[in-house]
């Protein structure tokens, strides 16, 4: 029974990140996004996000945290985008909020972690 609730809980966490708003994509200022972004989650796990080749509303992104490295082409909408299990949202110049679904390697439980990243 506990496995059932764990599965349902994980589905709700994942579904919360799959929401999208209707509307058009508009070109963004590349200087606000391009570069290296670094931060640390509440569990002291660090992460870095490299954003490059921002053209219009498209960009190439590399996400690294722990032993995980993800590469993805993204679409930027409302100053945010998704990469793998993370959402990057520009809050102001040089600062972004990063929300990530992290899975514990020891328990398998998932949690939604929120952190801030600084552009360097």
C-alpha atoms as a PDB file:
ATOM      1  CA  UNK A   1       0.000   0.000   0.000  1.00  0.00           C
ATOM      2  CA  UNK A   2       2.877   2.376   0.788  1.00  0.00           C
ATOM      3  CA  UNK A   3       4.294   1.791  -2.710  1.00  0.00           C
ATOM      4  CA  UNK A   4       0.975   2.843  -4.205  1.00  0.00           C
ATOM      5  CA  UNK A   5       0.981   6.130  -2.296  1.00  0.00           C
ATOM      6  CA  UNK A   6       4.621   6.704  -3.183  1.00  0.00           C
ATOM      7  CA  UNK A   7       3.820   6.242  -6.880  1.00  0.00           C
ATOM      8  CA  UNK A   8       0.829   8.573  -6.685  1.00  0.00           C
ATOM      9  CA  UNK A   9       2.884  11.189  -4.826  1.00  0.00           C
ATOM     10  CA  UNK A  10       5.660  11.011  -7.424  1.00  0.00           C
ATOM     11  CA  UNK A  11       3.107  11.436 -10.211  1.00  0.00           C
ATOM     12  CA  UNK A  12       1.696  14.579  -8.585  1.00  0.00           C
ATOM     13  CA  UNK A  13       5.187  16.068  -8.205  1.00  0.00           C
ATOM     14  CA  UNK A  14       5.996  15.310 -11.846  1.00  0.00           C
ATOM     15  CA  UNK A  15       2.628  16.558 -13.113  1.00  0.00           C
ATOM     16  CA  UNK A  16       3.117  19.892 -11.359  1.00  0.00           C
ATOM     17  CA  UNK A  17       6.095  20.607 -13.578  1.00  0.00           C
ATOM     18  CA  UNK A  18       4.305  19.715 -16.804  1.00  0.00           C
ATOM     19  CA  UNK A  19       2.059  22.758 -16.897  1.00  0.00           C
ATOM     20  CA  UNK A  20       2.358  25.191 -19.761  1.00  0.00           C
ATOM     21  CA  UNK A  21       0.658  28.481 -20.477  1.00  0.00           C
ATOM     22  CA  UNK A  22      -0.830  29.290 -23.839  1.00  0.00           C
ATOM     23  CA  UNK A  23       0.719  32.132 -25.770  1.00  0.00           C
ATOM     24  CA  UNK A  24       3.400  33.044 -28.242  1.00  0.00           C
ATOM     25  CA  UNK A  25       7.125  32.644 -27.925  1.00  0.00           C
ATOM     26  CA  UNK A  26       8.957  35.962 -28.190  1.00  0.00           C
ATOM     27  CA  UNK A  27      12.637  36.752 -28.688  1.00  0.00           C
ATOM     28  CA  UNK A  28      14.688  37.247 -25.521  1.00  0.00           C
ATOM     29  CA  UNK A  29      17.824  39.271 -24.775  1.00  0.00           C
ATOM     30  CA  UNK A  30      20.709  36.764 -25.059  1.00  0.00           C
ATOM     31  CA  UNK A  31      22.834  38.685 -22.517  1.00  0.00           C
ATOM     32  CA  UNK A  32      20.271  38.017 -19.788  1.00  0.00           C
ATOM     33  CA  UNK A  33      20.516  34.230 -20.268  1.00  0.00           C
ATOM     34  CA  UNK A  34      23.883  33.270 -21.762  1.00  0.00           C
ATOM     35  CA  UNK A  35      26.697  32.169 -19.491  1.00  0.00           C
ATOM     36  CA  UNK A  36      27.247  29.985 -16.456  1.00  0.00           C
ATOM     37  CA  UNK A  37      24.724  29.827 -13.630  1.00  0.00           C
ATOM     38  CA  UNK A  38      25.621  28.240 -10.288  1.00  0.00           C
ATOM     39  CA  UNK A  39      23.635  27.422  -7.161  1.00  0.00           C
ATOM     40  CA  UNK A  40      23.101  25.038  -4.278  1.00  0.00           C
ATOM     41  CA  UNK A  41      19.992  23.144  -3.164  1.00  0.00           C
ATOM     42  CA  UNK A  42      18.932  23.033   0.510  1.00  0.00           C
ATOM     43  CA  UNK A  43      20.552  19.582   0.823  1.00  0.00           C
ATOM     44  CA  UNK A  44      23.924  21.231  -0.096  1.00  0.00           C
ATOM     45  CA  UNK A  45      24.006  19.570  -3.526  1.00  0.00           C
ATOM     46  CA  UNK A  46      25.476  22.043  -6.010  1.00  0.00           C
ATOM     47  CA  UNK A  47      24.380  22.506  -9.605  1.00  0.00           C
ATOM     48  CA  UNK A  48      25.496  24.445 -12.641  1.00  0.00           C
ATOM     49  CA  UNK A  49      23.675  25.433 -15.787  1.00  0.00           C
ATOM     50  CA  UNK A  50      25.473  26.628 -18.913  1.00  0.00           C
ATOM     51  CA  UNK A  51      23.328  28.466 -21.452  1.00  0.00           C
ATOM     52  CA  UNK A  52      24.697  29.197 -24.913  1.00  0.00           C
ATOM     53  CA  UNK A  53      23.641  30.013 -28.476  1.00  0.00           C
ATOM     54  CA  UNK A  54      20.571  32.024 -27.480  1.00  0.00           C
ATOM     55  CA  UNK A  55      18.878  32.895 -30.764  1.00  0.00           C
ATOM     56  CA  UNK A  56      15.400  34.362 -30.658  1.00  0.00           C
ATOM     57  CA  UNK A  57      13.708  32.228 -28.007  1.00  0.00           C
ATOM     58  CA  UNK A  58      15.873  29.108 -28.498  1.00  0.00           C
ATOM     59  CA  UNK A  59      18.997  28.113 -26.572  1.00  0.00           C
ATOM     60  CA  UNK A  60      21.367  25.228 -25.890  1.00  0.00           C
ATOM     61  CA  UNK A  61      21.615  24.239 -22.221  1.00  0.00           C
ATOM     62  CA  UNK A  62      23.851  21.965 -20.151  1.00  0.00           C
ATOM     63  CA  UNK A  63      22.733  21.038 -16.601  1.00  0.00           C
ATOM     64  CA  UNK A  64      25.115  19.400 -14.105  1.00  0.00           C
ATOM     65  CA  UNK A  65      24.408  18.274 -10.553  1.00  0.00           C
ATOM     66  CA  UNK A  66      26.133  15.476  -8.683  1.00  0.00           C
ATOM     67  CA  UNK A  67      26.884  12.803 -11.256  1.00  0.00           C
ATOM     68  CA  UNK A  68      24.091  13.927 -13.589  1.00  0.00           C
ATOM     69  CA  UNK A  69      24.802  15.836 -16.800  1.00  0.00           C
ATOM     70  CA  UNK A  70      21.993  16.721 -19.221  1.00  0.00           C
ATOM     71  CA  UNK A  71      22.183  18.509 -22.571  1.00  0.00           C
ATOM     72  CA  UNK A  72      19.095  19.917 -24.225  1.00  0.00           C
ATOM     73  CA  UNK A  73      17.854  22.436 -26.776  1.00  0.00           C
ATOM     74  CA  UNK A  74      15.217  24.557 -25.022  1.00  0.00           C
ATOM     75  CA  UNK A  75      12.498  27.066 -25.860  1.00  0.00           C
ATOM     76  CA  UNK A  76      12.374  30.118 -23.593  1.00  0.00           C
ATOM     77  CA  UNK A  77       8.903  31.375 -22.749  1.00  0.00           C
ATOM     78  CA  UNK A  78       8.002  33.937 -20.077  1.00  0.00           C
ATOM     79  CA  UNK A  79      11.708  34.085 -19.102  1.00  0.00           C
ATOM     80  CA  UNK A  80      11.787  30.375 -18.222  1.00  0.00           C
ATOM     81  CA  UNK A  81      12.459  26.968 -19.704  1.00  0.00           C
ATOM     82  CA  UNK A  82      12.617  23.296 -18.727  1.00  0.00           C
ATOM     83  CA  UNK A  83      15.628  21.034 -18.901  1.00  0.00           C
ATOM     84  CA  UNK A  84      15.161  17.411 -17.849  1.00  0.00           C
ATOM     85  CA  UNK A  85      13.542  17.467 -14.360  1.00  0.00           C
ATOM     86  CA  UNK A  86      14.304  21.152 -13.762  1.00  0.00           C
ATOM     87  CA  UNK A  87      12.646  24.480 -14.472  1.00  0.00           C
ATOM     88  CA  UNK A  88      14.838  27.569 -14.833  1.00  0.00           C
ATOM     89  CA  UNK A  89      13.066  30.917 -14.304  1.00  0.00           C
ATOM     90  CA  UNK A  90      14.841  34.242 -14.637  1.00  0.00           C
ATOM     91  CA  UNK A  91      13.678  36.335 -11.659  1.00  0.00           C
ATOM     92  CA  UNK A  92      15.826  39.412 -12.330  1.00  0.00           C
ATOM     93  CA  UNK A  93      19.062  40.163 -14.175  1.00  0.00           C
ATOM     94  CA  UNK A  94      21.751  37.783 -12.925  1.00  0.00           C
ATOM     95  CA  UNK A  95      19.432  35.720 -10.690  1.00  0.00           C
ATOM     96  CA  UNK A  96      17.247  32.729 -11.514  1.00  0.00           C
ATOM     97  CA  UNK A  97      15.059  30.325  -9.579  1.00  0.00           C
ATOM     98  CA  UNK A  98      15.661  26.644 -10.297  1.00  0.00           C
ATOM     99  CA  UNK A  99      13.109  24.003  -9.300  1.00  0.00           C
ATOM    100  CA  UNK A 100      14.187  20.389  -9.644  1.00  0.00           C
ATOM    101  CA  UNK A 101      12.621  17.026  -8.849  1.00  0.00           C
ATOM    102  CA  UNK A 102      15.369  15.125  -7.004  1.00  0.00           C
ATOM    103  CA  UNK A 103      15.245  11.383  -6.382  1.00  0.00           C
ATOM    104  CA  UNK A 104      16.993  10.011  -3.301  1.00  0.00           C
ATOM    105  CA  UNK A 105      19.361   7.208  -4.287  1.00  0.00           C
ATOM    106  CA  UNK A 106      18.910   5.492  -0.907  1.00  0.00           C
ATOM    107  CA  UNK A 107      15.110   5.616  -0.570  1.00  0.00           C
ATOM    108  CA  UNK A 108      13.888   6.312  -4.102  1.00  0.00           C
ATOM    109  CA  UNK A 109      11.694   9.123  -2.787  1.00  0.00           C
ATOM    110  CA  UNK A 110      11.235  12.218  -4.903  1.00  0.00           C
ATOM    111  CA  UNK A 111      11.190  15.780  -3.655  1.00  0.00           C
ATOM    112  CA  UNK A 112      10.814  19.157  -5.304  1.00  0.00           C
ATOM    113  CA  UNK A 113      13.863  21.286  -4.465  1.00  0.00           C
ATOM    114  CA  UNK A 114      13.960  25.031  -5.061  1.00  0.00           C
ATOM    115  CA  UNK A 115      17.184  27.013  -5.248  1.00  0.00           C
ATOM    116  CA  UNK A 116      18.530  30.234  -6.681  1.00  0.00           C
ATOM    117  CA  UNK A 117      21.325  30.476  -9.220  1.00  0.00           C
ATOM    118  CA  UNK A 118      23.634  33.386  -9.873  1.00  0.00           C
ATOM    119  CA  UNK A 119      25.043  34.206 -13.287  1.00  0.00           C
ATOM    120  CA  UNK A 120      28.824  34.328 -13.475  1.00  0.00           C
END
